[in-house]
Amino acid sequence: MNLLVEMKGIRKSFYGVEVLHGVDFHLQAGTVHALMGENGAGKSTLMKVLAGVHKCDAGEIAIEGRPVEIDSPAKARELGIAMIHQELSPVSEMSVAENPAICWPRSTSAPPSSPTCPGRRWSGGGRSCCGAPPAG
């Protein structure tokens, strides 16, 4: 079995409350995966561990069979891991494709110019496109 990502025995606690209880999660190459569960089941926390937002308290992570320590989002990006975080307040004037790109930093890896604002790049963390003030 060709595993791209293997998480074994992942544990995470916040303020003494364990929210991940020895979770195992595997992503196999060439397949589609869904992580589903009730609210509060730990889906987002598990993905934030993988993306380097949270450091796990215990457990192991391997990428393509190689043990790694993911202690920051920058380290996760170095390993080819990125996460689009849940946003409960999307910009209604922007498309489904444009909203996730709002917070991408300006760089050569930034998304192409906006289809609604040709030739202009996203303005980034200010939650605006093409220099327009944030919606709302």
N, C-alpha and C. Protein backbone atom coordinates (compact mmCIF):
# COMPACT_ATOMS: atom_id res chain seq x y z
N MET A 1 0.86 -1.19 0.00
CA MET A 1 0.00 0.00 0.00
C MET A 1 0.90 1.24 0.00
N ASN A 2 0.65 2.16 -0.93
CA ASN A 2 1.45 3.38 -1.08
C ASN A 2 0.79 4.52 -0.29
N LEU A 3 1.25 4.75 0.95
CA LEU A 3 0.67 5.80 1.78
C LEU A 3 1.42 7.11 1.58
N LEU A 4 0.65 8.15 1.25
CA LEU A 4 1.25 9.48 1.17
C LEU A 4 1.38 10.08 2.56
N VAL A 5 0.33 9.93 3.37
CA VAL A 5 0.32 10.47 4.72
C VAL A 5 -0.13 9.37 5.67
N GLU A 6 0.60 9.24 6.77
CA GLU A 6 0.22 8.27 7.80
C GLU A 6 0.32 8.96 9.15
N MET A 7 -0.79 9.00 9.85
CA MET A 7 -0.83 9.57 11.20
C MET A 7 -1.21 8.42 12.13
N LYS A 8 -0.40 8.18 13.16
CA LYS A 8 -0.63 7.06 14.08
C LYS A 8 -0.69 7.56 15.52
N GLY A 9 -1.74 7.16 16.22
CA GLY A 9 -1.84 7.44 17.65
C GLY A 9 -1.82 8.90 18.01
N ILE A 10 -2.41 9.74 17.17
CA ILE A 10 -2.37 11.20 17.40
C ILE A 10 -3.24 11.56 18.59
N ARG A 11 -2.63 12.27 19.53
CA ARG A 11 -3.33 12.77 20.72
C ARG A 11 -3.14 14.28 20.81
N LYS A 12 -4.21 14.96 21.20
CA LYS A 12 -4.15 16.40 21.38
C LYS A 12 -5.12 16.80 22.48
N SER A 13 -4.65 17.63 23.40
CA SER A 13 -5.48 18.14 24.48
C SER A 13 -5.44 19.66 24.48
N PHE A 14 -6.53 20.25 24.92
CA PHE A 14 -6.60 21.69 25.14
C PHE A 14 -7.06 21.90 26.58
N TYR A 15 -6.26 22.61 27.36
CA TYR A 15 -6.59 22.93 28.74
C TYR A 15 -7.00 21.69 29.54
N GLY A 16 -6.27 20.60 29.33
CA GLY A 16 -6.51 19.37 30.09
C GLY A 16 -7.61 18.48 29.55
N VAL A 17 -8.27 18.90 28.49
CA VAL A 17 -9.34 18.08 27.90
C VAL A 17 -8.80 17.46 26.61
N GLU A 18 -8.71 16.13 26.59
CA GLU A 18 -8.20 15.45 25.40
C GLU A 18 -9.28 15.43 24.31
N VAL A 19 -8.93 15.98 23.16
CA VAL A 19 -9.89 16.06 22.05
C VAL A 19 -9.57 15.06 20.94
N LEU A 20 -8.33 14.62 20.86
CA LEU A 20 -7.96 13.54 19.94
C LEU A 20 -7.39 12.41 20.80
N HIS A 21 -7.99 11.24 20.69
CA HIS A 21 -7.68 10.12 21.57
C HIS A 21 -6.98 9.01 20.79
N GLY A 22 -5.76 9.22 20.37
CA GLY A 22 -5.02 8.18 19.68
C GLY A 22 -5.54 7.88 18.28
N VAL A 23 -5.74 8.92 17.50
CA VAL A 23 -6.34 8.80 16.17
C VAL A 23 -5.32 8.29 15.15
N ASP A 24 -5.75 7.35 14.32
CA ASP A 24 -4.99 6.88 13.16
C ASP A 24 -5.68 7.39 11.91
N PHE A 25 -4.91 7.91 10.96
CA PHE A 25 -5.46 8.44 9.71
C PHE A 25 -4.45 8.21 8.61
N HIS A 26 -4.88 7.63 7.51
CA HIS A 26 -3.98 7.31 6.40
C HIS A 26 -4.55 7.86 5.10
N LEU A 27 -3.69 8.44 4.29
CA LEU A 27 -4.07 8.89 2.95
C LEU A 27 -3.26 8.09 1.95
N GLN A 28 -3.95 7.36 1.11
CA GLN A 28 -3.29 6.52 0.12
C GLN A 28 -3.23 7.25 -1.22
N ALA A 29 -2.14 7.10 -1.92
CA ALA A 29 -1.96 7.73 -3.23
C ALA A 29 -3.02 7.23 -4.21
N GLY A 30 -3.52 8.14 -5.03
CA GLY A 30 -4.44 7.77 -6.10
C GLY A 30 -5.86 7.52 -5.65
N THR A 31 -6.21 7.95 -4.44
CA THR A 31 -7.57 7.75 -3.94
C THR A 31 -8.15 9.08 -3.46
N VAL A 32 -9.45 9.11 -3.30
CA VAL A 32 -10.16 10.28 -2.78
C VAL A 32 -10.58 9.96 -1.35
N HIS A 33 -10.41 10.91 -0.45
CA HIS A 33 -10.71 10.68 0.95
C HIS A 33 -11.72 11.70 1.45
N ALA A 34 -12.50 11.29 2.44
CA ALA A 34 -13.43 12.19 3.13
C ALA A 34 -13.25 11.98 4.62
N LEU A 35 -13.16 13.04 5.36
CA LEU A 35 -13.05 12.98 6.82
C LEU A 35 -14.37 13.53 7.35
N MET A 36 -15.18 12.64 7.90
CA MET A 36 -16.53 13.03 8.33
C MET A 36 -16.75 12.67 9.79
N GLY A 37 -17.62 13.42 10.42
CA GLY A 37 -17.98 13.15 11.81
C GLY A 37 -18.85 14.26 12.34
N GLU A 38 -19.37 14.03 13.52
CA GLU A 38 -20.23 15.04 14.14
C GLU A 38 -19.43 16.27 14.54
N ASN A 39 -20.14 17.36 14.80
CA ASN A 39 -19.48 18.56 15.33
C ASN A 39 -18.77 18.19 16.62
N GLY A 40 -17.55 18.66 16.77
CA GLY A 40 -16.79 18.39 17.97
C GLY A 40 -16.07 17.05 17.96
N ALA A 41 -16.10 16.33 16.85
CA ALA A 41 -15.46 15.01 16.79
C ALA A 41 -13.95 15.09 16.64
N GLY A 42 -13.41 16.26 16.27
CA GLY A 42 -11.97 16.42 16.16
C GLY A 42 -11.43 16.48 14.75
N LYS A 43 -12.31 16.57 13.75
CA LYS A 43 -11.88 16.60 12.35
C LYS A 43 -10.95 17.78 12.08
N SER A 44 -11.38 18.95 12.46
CA SER A 44 -10.57 20.16 12.21
C SER A 44 -9.28 20.11 13.01
N THR A 45 -9.33 19.64 14.24
CA THR A 45 -8.13 19.56 15.06
C THR A 45 -7.12 18.61 14.43
N LEU A 46 -7.58 17.46 13.94
CA LEU A 46 -6.68 16.51 13.30
C LEU A 46 -6.01 17.13 12.07
N MET A 47 -6.78 17.83 11.26
CA MET A 47 -6.22 18.46 10.07
C MET A 47 -5.29 19.61 10.44
N LYS A 48 -5.59 20.31 11.53
CA LYS A 48 -4.70 21.39 11.97
C LYS A 48 -3.38 20.83 12.50
N VAL A 49 -3.40 19.62 13.07
CA VAL A 49 -2.15 18.96 13.45
C VAL A 49 -1.35 18.65 12.19
N LEU A 50 -2.01 18.11 11.19
CA LEU A 50 -1.32 17.78 9.94
C LEU A 50 -0.78 19.04 9.25
N ALA A 51 -1.51 20.14 9.34
CA ALA A 51 -1.12 21.38 8.68
C ALA A 51 -0.17 22.23 9.53
N GLY A 52 0.20 21.76 10.72
CA GLY A 52 1.16 22.47 11.54
C GLY A 52 0.59 23.61 12.36
N VAL A 53 -0.71 23.77 12.38
CA VAL A 53 -1.34 24.81 13.19
C VAL A 53 -1.27 24.44 14.66
N HIS A 54 -1.53 23.16 14.98
CA HIS A 54 -1.41 22.63 16.34
C HIS A 54 -0.34 21.55 16.34
N LYS A 55 0.43 21.47 17.40
CA LYS A 55 1.39 20.38 17.57
C LYS A 55 0.70 19.29 18.37
N CYS A 56 0.83 18.03 17.91
CA CYS A 56 0.19 16.94 18.65
C CYS A 56 0.95 16.69 19.95
N ASP A 57 0.23 16.18 20.94
CA ASP A 57 0.84 15.85 22.23
C ASP A 57 1.55 14.50 22.17
N ALA A 58 1.06 13.61 21.32
CA ALA A 58 1.65 12.28 21.16
C ALA A 58 1.25 11.76 19.78
N GLY A 59 2.00 10.80 19.30
CA GLY A 59 1.70 10.18 18.02
C GLY A 59 2.80 10.42 17.01
N GLU A 60 2.62 9.81 15.86
CA GLU A 60 3.63 9.88 14.80
C GLU A 60 2.98 10.28 13.48
N ILE A 61 3.72 11.04 12.69
CA ILE A 61 3.29 11.41 11.35
C ILE A 61 4.40 11.02 10.39
N ALA A 62 4.02 10.39 9.29
CA ALA A 62 4.97 10.04 8.25
C ALA A 62 4.43 10.53 6.92
N ILE A 63 5.30 11.07 6.09
CA ILE A 63 4.98 11.51 4.75
C ILE A 63 5.77 10.61 3.79
N GLU A 64 5.06 9.91 2.94
CA GLU A 64 5.67 8.95 2.01
C GLU A 64 6.63 8.01 2.75
N GLY A 65 6.19 7.54 3.92
CA GLY A 65 6.96 6.57 4.69
C GLY A 65 8.08 7.13 5.54
N ARG A 66 8.30 8.44 5.46
CA ARG A 66 9.40 9.08 6.20
C ARG A 66 8.84 9.82 7.41
N PRO A 67 9.27 9.48 8.63
CA PRO A 67 8.79 10.18 9.83
C PRO A 67 9.13 11.67 9.75
N VAL A 68 8.16 12.50 10.11
CA VAL A 68 8.36 13.95 10.09
C VAL A 68 7.79 14.56 11.37
N GLU A 69 8.31 15.71 11.73
CA GLU A 69 7.73 16.50 12.81
C GLU A 69 7.21 17.79 12.18
N ILE A 70 5.92 17.99 12.25
CA ILE A 70 5.31 19.18 11.65
C ILE A 70 5.00 20.13 12.80
N ASP A 71 5.87 21.12 12.99
CA ASP A 71 5.73 22.02 14.12
C ASP A 71 5.30 23.43 13.72
N SER A 72 4.99 23.61 12.44
CA SER A 72 4.53 24.93 12.00
C SER A 72 3.86 24.79 10.62
N PRO A 73 3.01 25.74 10.26
CA PRO A 73 2.45 25.73 8.91
C PRO A 73 3.54 25.82 7.83
N ALA A 74 4.63 26.53 8.12
CA ALA A 74 5.72 26.64 7.15
C ALA A 74 6.34 25.26 6.89
N LYS A 75 6.53 24.48 7.96
CA LYS A 75 7.08 23.13 7.80
C LYS A 75 6.11 22.26 7.00
N ALA A 76 4.82 22.39 7.27
CA ALA A 76 3.82 21.62 6.51
C ALA A 76 3.89 21.98 5.03
N ARG A 77 4.02 23.27 4.72
CA ARG A 77 4.11 23.70 3.32
C ARG A 77 5.36 23.13 2.66
N GLU A 78 6.47 23.09 3.40
CA GLU A 78 7.70 22.50 2.86
C GLU A 78 7.46 21.04 2.45
N LEU A 79 6.58 20.36 3.18
CA LEU A 79 6.27 18.96 2.92
C LEU A 79 5.16 18.79 1.89
N GLY A 80 4.64 19.91 1.36
CA GLY A 80 3.59 19.85 0.35
C GLY A 80 2.19 19.77 0.93
N ILE A 81 2.03 20.15 2.20
CA ILE A 81 0.73 20.08 2.87
C ILE A 81 0.18 21.49 3.03
N ALA A 82 -1.06 21.68 2.63
CA ALA A 82 -1.74 22.96 2.81
C ALA A 82 -3.17 22.69 3.24
N MET A 83 -3.76 23.66 3.89
CA MET A 83 -5.14 23.50 4.38
C MET A 83 -5.92 24.77 4.09
N ILE A 84 -7.12 24.60 3.60
CA ILE A 84 -8.04 25.72 3.46
C ILE A 84 -8.95 25.66 4.68
N HIS A 85 -8.84 26.65 5.54
CA HIS A 85 -9.61 26.65 6.78
C HIS A 85 -11.06 27.01 6.52
N GLN A 86 -11.93 26.48 7.36
CA GLN A 86 -13.36 26.78 7.26
C GLN A 86 -13.58 28.26 7.51
N GLU A 87 -14.35 28.88 6.66
CA GLU A 87 -14.67 30.30 6.81
C GLU A 87 -16.18 30.43 6.84
N LEU A 88 -16.69 30.92 7.96
CA LEU A 88 -18.13 31.03 8.12
C LEU A 88 -18.69 32.34 7.57
N SER A 89 -17.81 33.24 7.12
CA SER A 89 -18.25 34.53 6.59
C SER A 89 -17.59 34.80 5.24
N PRO A 90 -17.97 34.05 4.20
CA PRO A 90 -17.36 34.30 2.90
C PRO A 90 -17.77 35.66 2.34
N VAL A 91 -16.97 36.16 1.41
CA VAL A 91 -17.28 37.42 0.74
C VAL A 91 -18.31 37.10 -0.34
N SER A 92 -19.53 37.58 -0.16
CA SER A 92 -20.63 37.19 -1.05
C SER A 92 -20.44 37.66 -2.49
N GLU A 93 -19.66 38.72 -2.71
CA GLU A 93 -19.44 39.21 -4.06
C GLU A 93 -18.42 38.38 -4.82
N MET A 94 -17.79 37.43 -4.15
CA MET A 94 -16.75 36.61 -4.78
C MET A 94 -17.25 35.19 -4.99
N SER A 95 -16.66 34.53 -5.96
CA SER A 95 -17.07 33.17 -6.30
C SER A 95 -16.53 32.16 -5.28
N VAL A 96 -17.00 30.92 -5.39
CA VAL A 96 -16.51 29.84 -4.55
C VAL A 96 -15.01 29.65 -4.78
N ALA A 97 -14.55 29.80 -5.99
CA ALA A 97 -13.12 29.65 -6.30
C ALA A 97 -12.30 30.82 -5.76
N GLU A 98 -12.85 32.02 -5.73
CA GLU A 98 -12.10 33.19 -5.29
C GLU A 98 -11.98 33.27 -3.77
N ASN A 99 -13.01 32.90 -3.02
CA ASN A 99 -12.99 33.05 -1.57
C ASN A 99 -11.81 32.37 -0.89
N PRO A 100 -11.49 31.11 -1.21
CA PRO A 100 -10.36 30.48 -0.50
C PRO A 100 -9.02 31.15 -0.77
N ALA A 101 -8.90 31.88 -1.85
CA ALA A 101 -7.63 32.49 -2.23
C ALA A 101 -7.40 33.86 -1.59
N ILE A 102 -8.36 34.37 -0.86
CA ILE A 102 -8.26 35.72 -0.31
C ILE A 102 -6.99 35.90 0.53
N CYS A 103 -6.67 34.95 1.35
CA CYS A 103 -5.56 35.12 2.29
C CYS A 103 -4.24 34.58 1.78
N TRP A 104 -4.14 34.21 0.50
CA TRP A 104 -2.87 33.75 -0.04
C TRP A 104 -1.92 34.93 -0.08
N PRO A 105 -0.69 34.74 0.38
CA PRO A 105 0.26 35.85 0.34
C PRO A 105 0.63 36.19 -1.10
N ARG A 106 0.97 37.45 -1.32
CA ARG A 106 1.44 37.84 -2.65
C ARG A 106 2.79 37.21 -2.88
N SER A 107 2.91 36.43 -3.91
CA SER A 107 4.17 35.79 -4.25
C SER A 107 3.99 35.12 -5.60
N THR A 108 5.03 34.46 -6.05
CA THR A 108 4.91 33.74 -7.32
C THR A 108 3.97 32.56 -7.19
N SER A 109 3.69 32.10 -5.94
CA SER A 109 2.78 30.99 -5.75
C SER A 109 1.34 31.46 -5.54
N ALA A 110 1.13 32.78 -5.62
CA ALA A 110 -0.22 33.31 -5.45
C ALA A 110 -1.10 32.86 -6.60
N PRO A 111 -2.41 32.84 -6.39
CA PRO A 111 -3.30 32.44 -7.45
C PRO A 111 -3.24 33.44 -8.60
N PRO A 112 -3.70 33.06 -9.76
CA PRO A 112 -3.70 33.99 -10.89
C PRO A 112 -4.60 35.18 -10.61
N SER A 113 -4.52 36.17 -11.48
CA SER A 113 -5.33 37.36 -11.27
C SER A 113 -6.81 36.99 -11.21
N SER A 114 -7.55 37.78 -10.51
CA SER A 114 -8.97 37.52 -10.29
C SER A 114 -9.76 37.59 -11.58
N PRO A 115 -10.65 36.62 -11.80
CA PRO A 115 -11.48 36.69 -12.99
C PRO A 115 -12.45 37.88 -12.96
N THR A 116 -12.77 38.35 -11.74
CA THR A 116 -13.66 39.50 -11.64
C THR A 116 -12.91 40.82 -11.68
N CYS A 117 -11.58 40.77 -11.53
CA CYS A 117 -10.75 41.96 -11.57
C CYS A 117 -9.51 41.64 -12.40
N PRO A 118 -9.63 41.47 -13.72
CA PRO A 118 -8.51 41.02 -14.55
C PRO A 118 -7.26 41.86 -14.35
N GLY A 119 -6.12 41.14 -14.28
CA GLY A 119 -4.84 41.82 -14.18
C GLY A 119 -4.45 42.24 -12.79
N ARG A 120 -5.30 42.03 -11.82
CA ARG A 120 -5.00 42.44 -10.44
C ARG A 120 -4.84 41.22 -9.56
N ARG A 121 -3.97 41.28 -8.60
CA ARG A 121 -3.76 40.18 -7.65
C ARG A 121 -4.62 40.40 -6.41
N TRP A 122 -4.81 39.33 -5.66
CA TRP A 122 -5.54 39.44 -4.40
C TRP A 122 -4.78 40.35 -3.46
N SER A 123 -5.49 41.10 -2.64
CA SER A 123 -4.80 42.00 -1.73
C SER A 123 -4.39 41.32 -0.44
N GLY A 124 -4.87 40.11 -0.19
CA GLY A 124 -4.39 39.33 0.94
C GLY A 124 -5.25 39.45 2.17
N GLY A 125 -4.59 39.43 3.34
CA GLY A 125 -5.26 39.28 4.62
C GLY A 125 -6.31 40.34 4.93
N GLY A 126 -6.37 41.43 4.18
CA GLY A 126 -7.38 42.45 4.43
C GLY A 126 -8.76 42.06 3.94
N ARG A 127 -8.90 40.84 3.43
CA ARG A 127 -10.17 40.31 2.96
C ARG A 127 -10.78 41.21 1.89
N SER A 128 -9.98 41.62 0.94
CA SER A 128 -10.52 42.38 -0.18
C SER A 128 -9.88 41.93 -1.46
N CYS A 129 -10.54 42.20 -2.54
CA CYS A 129 -10.03 41.83 -3.86
C CYS A 129 -9.84 43.11 -4.66
N CYS A 130 -8.75 43.19 -5.37
CA CYS A 130 -8.53 44.30 -6.30
C CYS A 130 -8.48 45.66 -5.60
N GLY A 131 -8.09 45.66 -4.33
CA GLY A 131 -7.98 46.93 -3.62
C GLY A 131 -9.31 47.47 -3.13
N ALA A 132 -10.41 46.76 -3.37
CA ALA A 132 -11.71 47.22 -2.90
C ALA A 132 -11.80 47.01 -1.39
N PRO A 133 -12.59 47.83 -0.69
CA PRO A 133 -12.72 47.62 0.75
C PRO A 133 -13.40 46.28 1.01
N PRO A 134 -13.11 45.67 2.17
CA PRO A 134 -13.74 44.40 2.50
C PRO A 134 -15.26 44.50 2.47
N ALA A 135 -15.88 43.41 2.04
CA ALA A 135 -17.36 43.37 2.01
C ALA A 135 -17.90 43.40 3.42
N GLY A 136 -19.11 43.93 3.55
CA GLY A 136 -19.80 43.87 4.84
C GLY A 136 -19.73 45.16 5.52
